[in-house]
Amino acid sequence: MAPELPTIAESGLPGFEMNGWFGTVAPAGTPAPVIAKLNSEYQRVLHSPEVRERLESFGFEVVGTRPRSSPPACAANRRD
């Protein structure tokens, strides 16, 4: 996205990799069917051509939910 800038490796940190992710939270006690519906709608929108192209134009890689970040996995790891 910025070819005039050196990469992190070119700046002296070979092998450096940075990742991030975004998620959504809901209040404790939100019914499981509501969580499932929100998740399915997020997946549908994230994978729609318009949204996917827009996010990719900003440098994002759209992958959707991975097993360790699924609603049940996140609920199991929550910290109250």
PDB file of N, CA and C in Angstrom:
ATOM      1  N   MET A   1       0.800  -1.200   0.000  1.00  0.00           N
ATOM      2  CA  MET A   1       0.000   0.000   0.000  1.00  0.00           C
ATOM      3  C   MET A   1       0.846   1.270   0.000  1.00  0.00           C
ATOM      4  N   ALA A   2       2.083   1.177   0.474  1.00  0.00           N
ATOM      5  CA  ALA A   2       2.960   2.343   0.519  1.00  0.00           C
ATOM      6  C   ALA A   2       4.345   1.920   0.054  1.00  0.00           C
ATOM      7  N   PRO A   3       4.546   1.767  -1.265  1.00  0.00           N
ATOM      8  CA  PRO A   3       5.809   1.222  -1.773  1.00  0.00           C
ATOM      9  C   PRO A   3       7.032   2.069  -1.442  1.00  0.00           C
ATOM     10  N   GLU A   4       6.848   3.336  -1.124  1.00  0.00           N
ATOM     11  CA  GLU A   4       7.988   4.195  -0.793  1.00  0.00           C
ATOM     12  C   GLU A   4       8.524   3.934   0.613  1.00  0.00           C
ATOM     13  N   LEU A   5       7.765   3.238   1.448  1.00  0.00           N
ATOM     14  CA  LEU A   5       8.203   2.941   2.809  1.00  0.00           C
ATOM     15  C   LEU A   5       8.909   1.592   2.856  1.00  0.00           C
ATOM     16  N   PRO A   6       9.995   1.503   3.625  1.00  0.00           N
ATOM     17  CA  PRO A   6      10.666   0.209   3.738  1.00  0.00           C
ATOM     18  C   PRO A   6       9.799  -0.763   4.544  1.00  0.00           C
ATOM     19  N   THR A   7       9.934  -2.032   4.237  1.00  0.00           N
ATOM     20  CA  THR A   7       9.232  -3.050   5.021  1.00  0.00           C
ATOM     21  C   THR A   7       9.874  -3.133   6.401  1.00  0.00           C
ATOM     22  N   ILE A   8       9.233  -3.830   7.302  1.00  0.00           N
ATOM     23  CA  ILE A   8       9.812  -4.018   8.636  1.00  0.00           C
ATOM     24  C   ILE A   8      11.122  -4.789   8.524  1.00  0.00           C
ATOM     25  N   ALA A   9      11.159  -5.800   7.653  1.00  0.00           N
ATOM     26  CA  ALA A   9      12.395  -6.568   7.459  1.00  0.00           C
ATOM     27  C   ALA A   9      13.505  -5.668   6.933  1.00  0.00           C
ATOM     28  N   GLU A  10      13.178  -4.790   5.984  1.00  0.00           N
ATOM     29  CA  GLU A  10      14.176  -3.864   5.441  1.00  0.00           C
ATOM     30  C   GLU A  10      14.631  -2.843   6.480  1.00  0.00           C
ATOM     31  N   SER A  11      13.822  -2.658   7.515  1.00  0.00           N
ATOM     32  CA  SER A  11      14.161  -1.723   8.587  1.00  0.00           C
ATOM     33  C   SER A  11      14.959  -2.375   9.701  1.00  0.00           C
ATOM     34  N   GLY A  12      15.294  -3.656   9.552  1.00  0.00           N
ATOM     35  CA  GLY A  12      16.163  -4.314  10.524  1.00  0.00           C
ATOM     36  C   GLY A  12      15.501  -5.348  11.402  1.00  0.00           C
ATOM     37  N   LEU A  13      14.255  -5.699  11.141  1.00  0.00           N
ATOM     38  CA  LEU A  13      13.577  -6.709  11.950  1.00  0.00           C
ATOM     39  C   LEU A  13      13.071  -7.855  11.071  1.00  0.00           C
ATOM     40  N   PRO A  14      13.984  -8.634  10.493  1.00  0.00           N
ATOM     41  CA  PRO A  14      13.531  -9.742   9.646  1.00  0.00           C
ATOM     42  C   PRO A  14      12.730 -10.754  10.460  1.00  0.00           C
ATOM     43  N   GLY A  15      11.723 -11.323   9.841  1.00  0.00           N
ATOM     44  CA  GLY A  15      10.904 -12.329  10.506  1.00  0.00           C
ATOM     45  C   GLY A  15       9.784 -11.754  11.355  1.00  0.00           C
ATOM     46  N   PHE A  16       9.729 -10.431  11.475  1.00  0.00           N
ATOM     47  CA  PHE A  16       8.675  -9.805  12.276  1.00  0.00           C
ATOM     48  C   PHE A  16       7.348  -9.947  11.551  1.00  0.00           C
ATOM     49  N   GLU A  17       6.337 -10.308  12.298  1.00  0.00           N
ATOM     50  CA  GLU A  17       4.990 -10.420  11.727  1.00  0.00           C
ATOM     51  C   GLU A  17       4.006  -9.831  12.713  1.00  0.00           C
ATOM     52  N   MET A  18       3.063  -9.087  12.199  1.00  0.00           N
ATOM     53  CA  MET A  18       2.057  -8.479  13.056  1.00  0.00           C
ATOM     54  C   MET A  18       0.677  -8.912  12.577  1.00  0.00           C
ATOM     55  N   ASN A  19      -0.139  -9.345  13.511  1.00  0.00           N
ATOM     56  CA  ASN A  19      -1.503  -9.754  13.207  1.00  0.00           C
ATOM     57  C   ASN A  19      -2.442  -9.095  14.199  1.00  0.00           C
ATOM     58  N   GLY A  20      -3.649  -8.940  13.797  1.00  0.00           N
ATOM     59  CA  GLY A  20      -4.683  -8.428  14.684  1.00  0.00           C
ATOM     60  C   GLY A  20      -6.024  -8.978  14.258  1.00  0.00           C
ATOM     61  N   TRP A  21      -6.997  -8.818  15.087  1.00  0.00           N
ATOM     62  CA  TRP A  21      -8.325  -9.255  14.722  1.00  0.00           C
ATOM     63  C   TRP A  21      -9.338  -8.366  15.419  1.00  0.00           C
ATOM     64  N   PHE A  22     -10.511  -8.382  14.890  1.00  0.00           N
ATOM     65  CA  PHE A  22     -11.605  -7.608  15.445  1.00  0.00           C
ATOM     66  C   PHE A  22     -12.703  -8.569  15.862  1.00  0.00           C
ATOM     67  N   GLY A  23     -13.399  -8.236  16.904  1.00  0.00           N
ATOM     68  CA  GLY A  23     -14.505  -9.059  17.367  1.00  0.00           C
ATOM     69  C   GLY A  23     -15.623  -8.177  17.884  1.00  0.00           C
ATOM     70  N   THR A  24     -16.713  -8.797  18.196  1.00  0.00           N
ATOM     71  CA  THR A  24     -17.869  -8.112  18.741  1.00  0.00           C
ATOM     72  C   THR A  24     -18.245  -8.797  20.044  1.00  0.00           C
ATOM     73  N   VAL A  25     -18.663  -8.028  21.012  1.00  0.00           N
ATOM     74  CA  VAL A  25     -19.089  -8.596  22.286  1.00  0.00           C
ATOM     75  C   VAL A  25     -20.565  -8.296  22.494  1.00  0.00           C
ATOM     76  N   ALA A  26     -21.179  -9.099  23.321  1.00  0.00           N
ATOM     77  CA  ALA A  26     -22.578  -8.913  23.679  1.00  0.00           C
ATOM     78  C   ALA A  26     -22.682  -9.033  25.198  1.00  0.00           C
ATOM     79  N   PRO A  27     -23.726  -8.484  25.768  1.00  0.00           N
ATOM     80  CA  PRO A  27     -23.881  -8.580  27.228  1.00  0.00           C
ATOM     81  C   PRO A  27     -23.965 -10.035  27.697  1.00  0.00           C
ATOM     82  N   ALA A  28     -23.474 -10.279  28.895  1.00  0.00           N
ATOM     83  CA  ALA A  28     -23.603 -11.609  29.494  1.00  0.00           C
ATOM     84  C   ALA A  28     -25.075 -11.984  29.524  1.00  0.00           C
ATOM     85  N   GLY A  29     -25.345 -13.237  29.247  1.00  0.00           N
ATOM     86  CA  GLY A  29     -26.720 -13.704  29.274  1.00  0.00           C
ATOM     87  C   GLY A  29     -27.472 -13.543  27.969  1.00  0.00           C
ATOM     88  N   THR A  30     -26.805 -13.010  26.935  1.00  0.00           N
ATOM     89  CA  THR A  30     -27.472 -12.913  25.635  1.00  0.00           C
ATOM     90  C   THR A  30     -27.799 -14.330  25.167  1.00  0.00           C
ATOM     91  N   PRO A  31     -29.036 -14.579  24.778  1.00  0.00           N
ATOM     92  CA  PRO A  31     -29.413 -15.940  24.379  1.00  0.00           C
ATOM     93  C   PRO A  31     -28.565 -16.469  23.221  1.00  0.00           C
ATOM     94  N   ALA A  32     -28.249 -17.760  23.282  1.00  0.00           N
ATOM     95  CA  ALA A  32     -27.419 -18.392  22.249  1.00  0.00           C
ATOM     96  C   ALA A  32     -27.989 -18.210  20.840  1.00  0.00           C
ATOM     97  N   PRO A  33     -29.304 -18.290  20.635  1.00  0.00           N
ATOM     98  CA  PRO A  33     -29.810 -18.070  19.268  1.00  0.00           C
ATOM     99  C   PRO A  33     -29.526 -16.656  18.754  1.00  0.00           C
ATOM    100  N   VAL A  34     -29.505 -15.677  19.634  1.00  0.00           N
ATOM    101  CA  VAL A  34     -29.191 -14.304  19.222  1.00  0.00           C
ATOM    102  C   VAL A  34     -27.725 -14.209  18.820  1.00  0.00           C
ATOM    103  N   ILE A  35     -26.853 -14.815  19.609  1.00  0.00           N
ATOM    104  CA  ILE A  35     -25.423 -14.836  19.287  1.00  0.00           C
ATOM    105  C   ILE A  35     -25.205 -15.539  17.943  1.00  0.00           C
ATOM    106  N   ALA A  36     -25.868 -16.666  17.740  1.00  0.00           N
ATOM    107  CA  ALA A  36     -25.726 -17.411  16.485  1.00  0.00           C
ATOM    108  C   ALA A  36     -26.200 -16.574  15.299  1.00  0.00           C
ATOM    109  N   LYS A  37     -27.297 -15.862  15.458  1.00  0.00           N
ATOM    110  CA  LYS A  37     -27.815 -15.025  14.370  1.00  0.00           C
ATOM    111  C   LYS A  37     -26.853 -13.889  14.067  1.00  0.00           C
ATOM    112  N   LEU A  38     -26.347 -13.223  15.101  1.00  0.00           N
ATOM    113  CA  LEU A  38     -25.368 -12.151  14.885  1.00  0.00           C
ATOM    114  C   LEU A  38     -24.147 -12.683  14.156  1.00  0.00           C
ATOM    115  N   ASN A  39     -23.644 -13.833  14.585  1.00  0.00           N
ATOM    116  CA  ASN A  39     -22.462 -14.417  13.959  1.00  0.00           C
ATOM    117  C   ASN A  39     -22.726 -14.745  12.493  1.00  0.00           C
ATOM    118  N   SER A  40     -23.877 -15.340  12.192  1.00  0.00           N
ATOM    119  CA  SER A  40     -24.146 -15.700  10.801  1.00  0.00           C
ATOM    120  C   SER A  40     -24.299 -14.455   9.931  1.00  0.00           C
ATOM    121  N   GLU A  41     -24.872 -13.401  10.475  1.00  0.00           N
ATOM    122  CA  GLU A  41     -25.012 -12.165   9.707  1.00  0.00           C
ATOM    123  C   GLU A  41     -23.658 -11.484   9.493  1.00  0.00           C
ATOM    124  N   TYR A  42     -22.805 -11.498  10.515  1.00  0.00           N
ATOM    125  CA  TYR A  42     -21.451 -10.955  10.342  1.00  0.00           C
ATOM    126  C   TYR A  42     -20.718 -11.720   9.247  1.00  0.00           C
ATOM    127  N   GLN A  43     -20.825 -13.043   9.262  1.00  0.00           N
ATOM    128  CA  GLN A  43     -20.156 -13.856   8.241  1.00  0.00           C
ATOM    129  C   GLN A  43     -20.691 -13.526   6.847  1.00  0.00           C
ATOM    130  N   ARG A  44     -22.011 -13.414   6.734  1.00  0.00           N
ATOM    131  CA  ARG A  44     -22.622 -13.113   5.441  1.00  0.00           C
ATOM    132  C   ARG A  44     -22.123 -11.776   4.908  1.00  0.00           C
ATOM    133  N   VAL A  45     -22.107 -10.767   5.766  1.00  0.00           N
ATOM    134  CA  VAL A  45     -21.687  -9.431   5.338  1.00  0.00           C
ATOM    135  C   VAL A  45     -20.187  -9.406   5.025  1.00  0.00           C
ATOM    136  N   LEU A  46     -19.378 -10.003   5.902  1.00  0.00           N
ATOM    137  CA  LEU A  46     -17.928 -10.008   5.668  1.00  0.00           C
ATOM    138  C   LEU A  46     -17.556 -10.660   4.346  1.00  0.00           C
ATOM    139  N   HIS A  47     -18.318 -11.643   3.935  1.00  0.00           N
ATOM    140  CA  HIS A  47     -17.988 -12.365   2.710  1.00  0.00           C
ATOM    141  C   HIS A  47     -18.758 -11.864   1.497  1.00  0.00           C
ATOM    142  N   SER A  48     -19.519 -10.803   1.661  1.00  0.00           N
ATOM    143  CA  SER A  48     -20.186 -10.223   0.493  1.00  0.00           C
ATOM    144  C   SER A  48     -19.123  -9.531  -0.356  1.00  0.00           C
ATOM    145  N   PRO A  49     -19.245  -9.565  -1.667  1.00  0.00           N
ATOM    146  CA  PRO A  49     -18.214  -8.985  -2.531  1.00  0.00           C
ATOM    147  C   PRO A  49     -17.920  -7.515  -2.236  1.00  0.00           C
ATOM    148  N   GLU A  50     -18.959  -6.724  -1.977  1.00  0.00           N
ATOM    149  CA  GLU A  50     -18.739  -5.285  -1.751  1.00  0.00           C
ATOM    150  C   GLU A  50     -17.904  -5.032  -0.497  1.00  0.00           C
ATOM    151  N   VAL A  51     -18.273  -5.688   0.597  1.00  0.00           N
ATOM    152  CA  VAL A  51     -17.566  -5.475   1.864  1.00  0.00           C
ATOM    153  C   VAL A  51     -16.171  -6.068   1.784  1.00  0.00           C
ATOM    154  N   ARG A  52     -16.055  -7.266   1.240  1.00  0.00           N
ATOM    155  CA  ARG A  52     -14.745  -7.915   1.118  1.00  0.00           C
ATOM    156  C   ARG A  52     -13.782  -7.048   0.308  1.00  0.00           C
ATOM    157  N   GLU A  53     -14.234  -6.553  -0.845  1.00  0.00           N
ATOM    158  CA  GLU A  53     -13.378  -5.703  -1.680  1.00  0.00           C
ATOM    159  C   GLU A  53     -12.978  -4.432  -0.938  1.00  0.00           C
ATOM    160  N   ARG A  54     -13.910  -3.841  -0.227  1.00  0.00           N
ATOM    161  CA  ARG A  54     -13.617  -2.601   0.513  1.00  0.00           C
ATOM    162  C   ARG A  54     -12.571  -2.859   1.601  1.00  0.00           C
ATOM    163  N   LEU A  55     -12.755  -3.915   2.377  1.00  0.00           N
ATOM    164  CA  LEU A  55     -11.787  -4.234   3.431  1.00  0.00           C
ATOM    165  C   LEU A  55     -10.420  -4.570   2.846  1.00  0.00           C
ATOM    166  N   GLU A  56     -10.403  -5.329   1.767  1.00  0.00           N
ATOM    167  CA  GLU A  56      -9.131  -5.685   1.139  1.00  0.00           C
ATOM    168  C   GLU A  56      -8.430  -4.451   0.575  1.00  0.00           C
ATOM    169  N   SER A  57      -9.207  -3.441   0.145  1.00  0.00           N
ATOM    170  CA  SER A  57      -8.581  -2.216  -0.361  1.00  0.00           C
ATOM    171  C   SER A  57      -7.850  -1.463   0.744  1.00  0.00           C
ATOM    172  N   PHE A  58      -8.210  -1.743   2.005  1.00  0.00           N
ATOM    173  CA  PHE A  58      -7.517  -1.141   3.151  1.00  0.00           C
ATOM    174  C   PHE A  58      -6.393  -2.036   3.665  1.00  0.00           C
ATOM    175  N   GLY A  59      -6.174  -3.181   3.015  1.00  0.00           N
ATOM    176  CA  GLY A  59      -5.100  -4.084   3.414  1.00  0.00           C
ATOM    177  C   GLY A  59      -5.525  -5.190   4.354  1.00  0.00           C
ATOM    178  N   PHE A  60      -6.808  -5.327   4.624  1.00  0.00           N
ATOM    179  CA  PHE A  60      -7.285  -6.397   5.492  1.00  0.00           C
ATOM    180  C   PHE A  60      -7.376  -7.699   4.714  1.00  0.00           C
ATOM    181  N   GLU A  61      -7.195  -8.787   5.409  1.00  0.00           N
ATOM    182  CA  GLU A  61      -7.434 -10.118   4.863  1.00  0.00           C
ATOM    183  C   GLU A  61      -8.676 -10.647   5.565  1.00  0.00           C
ATOM    184  N   VAL A  62      -9.744 -10.824   4.834  1.00  0.00           N
ATOM    185  CA  VAL A  62     -11.006 -11.278   5.423  1.00  0.00           C
ATOM    186  C   VAL A  62     -10.970 -12.787   5.549  1.00  0.00           C
ATOM    187  N   VAL A  63     -11.033 -13.285   6.784  1.00  0.00           N
ATOM    188  CA  VAL A  63     -11.028 -14.728   6.990  1.00  0.00           C
ATOM    189  C   VAL A  63     -12.278 -15.211   7.703  1.00  0.00           C
ATOM    190  N   GLY A  64     -13.013 -14.353   8.361  1.00  0.00           N
ATOM    191  CA  GLY A  64     -14.204 -14.788   9.094  1.00  0.00           C
ATOM    192  C   GLY A  64     -13.821 -15.500  10.365  1.00  0.00           C
ATOM    193  N   THR A  65     -14.743 -16.239  10.900  1.00  0.00           N
ATOM    194  CA  THR A  65     -14.528 -16.916  12.182  1.00  0.00           C
ATOM    195  C   THR A  65     -13.617 -18.124  12.018  1.00  0.00           C
ATOM    196  N   ARG A  66     -12.636 -18.192  12.879  1.00  0.00           N
ATOM    197  CA  ARG A  66     -11.781 -19.373  12.968  1.00  0.00           C
ATOM    198  C   ARG A  66     -12.215 -20.153  14.199  1.00  0.00           C
ATOM    199  N   PRO A  67     -11.896 -21.443  14.260  1.00  0.00           N
ATOM    200  CA  PRO A  67     -12.369 -22.244  15.399  1.00  0.00           C
ATOM    201  C   PRO A  67     -12.052 -21.644  16.762  1.00  0.00           C
ATOM    202  N   ARG A  68     -10.870 -21.106  16.939  1.00  0.00           N
ATOM    203  CA  ARG A  68     -10.523 -20.579  18.258  1.00  0.00           C
ATOM    204  C   ARG A  68     -11.170 -19.227  18.551  1.00  0.00           C
ATOM    205  N   SER A  69     -11.791 -18.604  17.537  1.00  0.00           N
ATOM    206  CA  SER A  69     -12.475 -17.340  17.766  1.00  0.00           C
ATOM    207  C   SER A  69     -13.973 -17.443  17.493  1.00  0.00           C
ATOM    208  N   SER A  70     -14.488 -18.669  17.473  1.00  0.00           N
ATOM    209  CA  SER A  70     -15.919 -18.868  17.277  1.00  0.00           C
ATOM    210  C   SER A  70     -16.659 -18.370  18.518  1.00  0.00           C
ATOM    211  N   PRO A  71     -17.941 -18.098  18.416  1.00  0.00           N
ATOM    212  CA  PRO A  71     -18.688 -17.665  19.612  1.00  0.00           C
ATOM    213  C   PRO A  71     -18.536 -18.612  20.806  1.00  0.00           C
ATOM    214  N   PRO A  72     -18.649 -19.945  20.624  1.00  0.00           N
ATOM    215  CA  PRO A  72     -18.472 -20.810  21.796  1.00  0.00           C
ATOM    216  C   PRO A  72     -17.056 -20.737  22.389  1.00  0.00           C
ATOM    217  N   ALA A  73     -16.042 -20.641  21.523  1.00  0.00           N
ATOM    218  CA  ALA A  73     -14.658 -20.570  22.023  1.00  0.00           C
ATOM    219  C   ALA A  73     -14.436 -19.278  22.802  1.00  0.00           C
ATOM    220  N   CYS A  74     -14.951 -18.180  22.274  1.00  0.00           N
ATOM    221  CA  CYS A  74     -14.799 -16.903  22.979  1.00  0.00           C
ATOM    222  C   CYS A  74     -15.549 -16.914  24.306  1.00  0.00           C
ATOM    223  N   ALA A  75     -16.731 -17.491  24.327  1.00  0.00           N
ATOM    224  CA  ALA A  75     -17.499 -17.563  25.571  1.00  0.00           C
ATOM    225  C   ALA A  75     -16.765 -18.396  26.621  1.00  0.00           C
ATOM    226  N   ALA A  76     -16.109 -19.461  26.160  1.00  0.00           N
ATOM    227  CA  ALA A  76     -15.382 -20.324  27.103  1.00  0.00           C
ATOM    228  C   ALA A  76     -14.167 -19.611  27.692  1.00  0.00           C
ATOM    229  N   ASN A  77     -13.643 -18.624  26.998  1.00  0.00           N
ATOM    230  CA  ASN A  77     -12.440 -17.924  27.455  1.00  0.00           C
ATOM    231  C   ASN A  77     -12.718 -16.549  28.049  1.00  0.00           C
ATOM    232  N   ARG A  78     -13.967 -16.226  28.253  1.00  0.00           N
ATOM    233  CA  ARG A  78     -14.270 -14.884  28.761  1.00  0.00           C
ATOM    234  C   ARG A  78     -13.772 -14.721  30.191  1.00  0.00           C
ATOM    235  N   ARG A  79     -13.517 -13.493  30.511  1.00  0.00           N
ATOM    236  CA  ARG A  79     -13.074 -13.140  31.865  1.00  0.00           C
ATOM    237  C   ARG A  79     -14.068 -12.135  32.413  1.00  0.00           C
ATOM    238  N   ASP A  80     -14.814 -12.545  33.388  1.00  0.00           N
ATOM    239  CA  ASP A  80     -15.837 -11.668  33.990  1.00  0.00           C
ATOM    240  C   ASP A  80     -15.221 -10.684  34.956  1.00  0.00           C
TER     241      ASP A  80
END
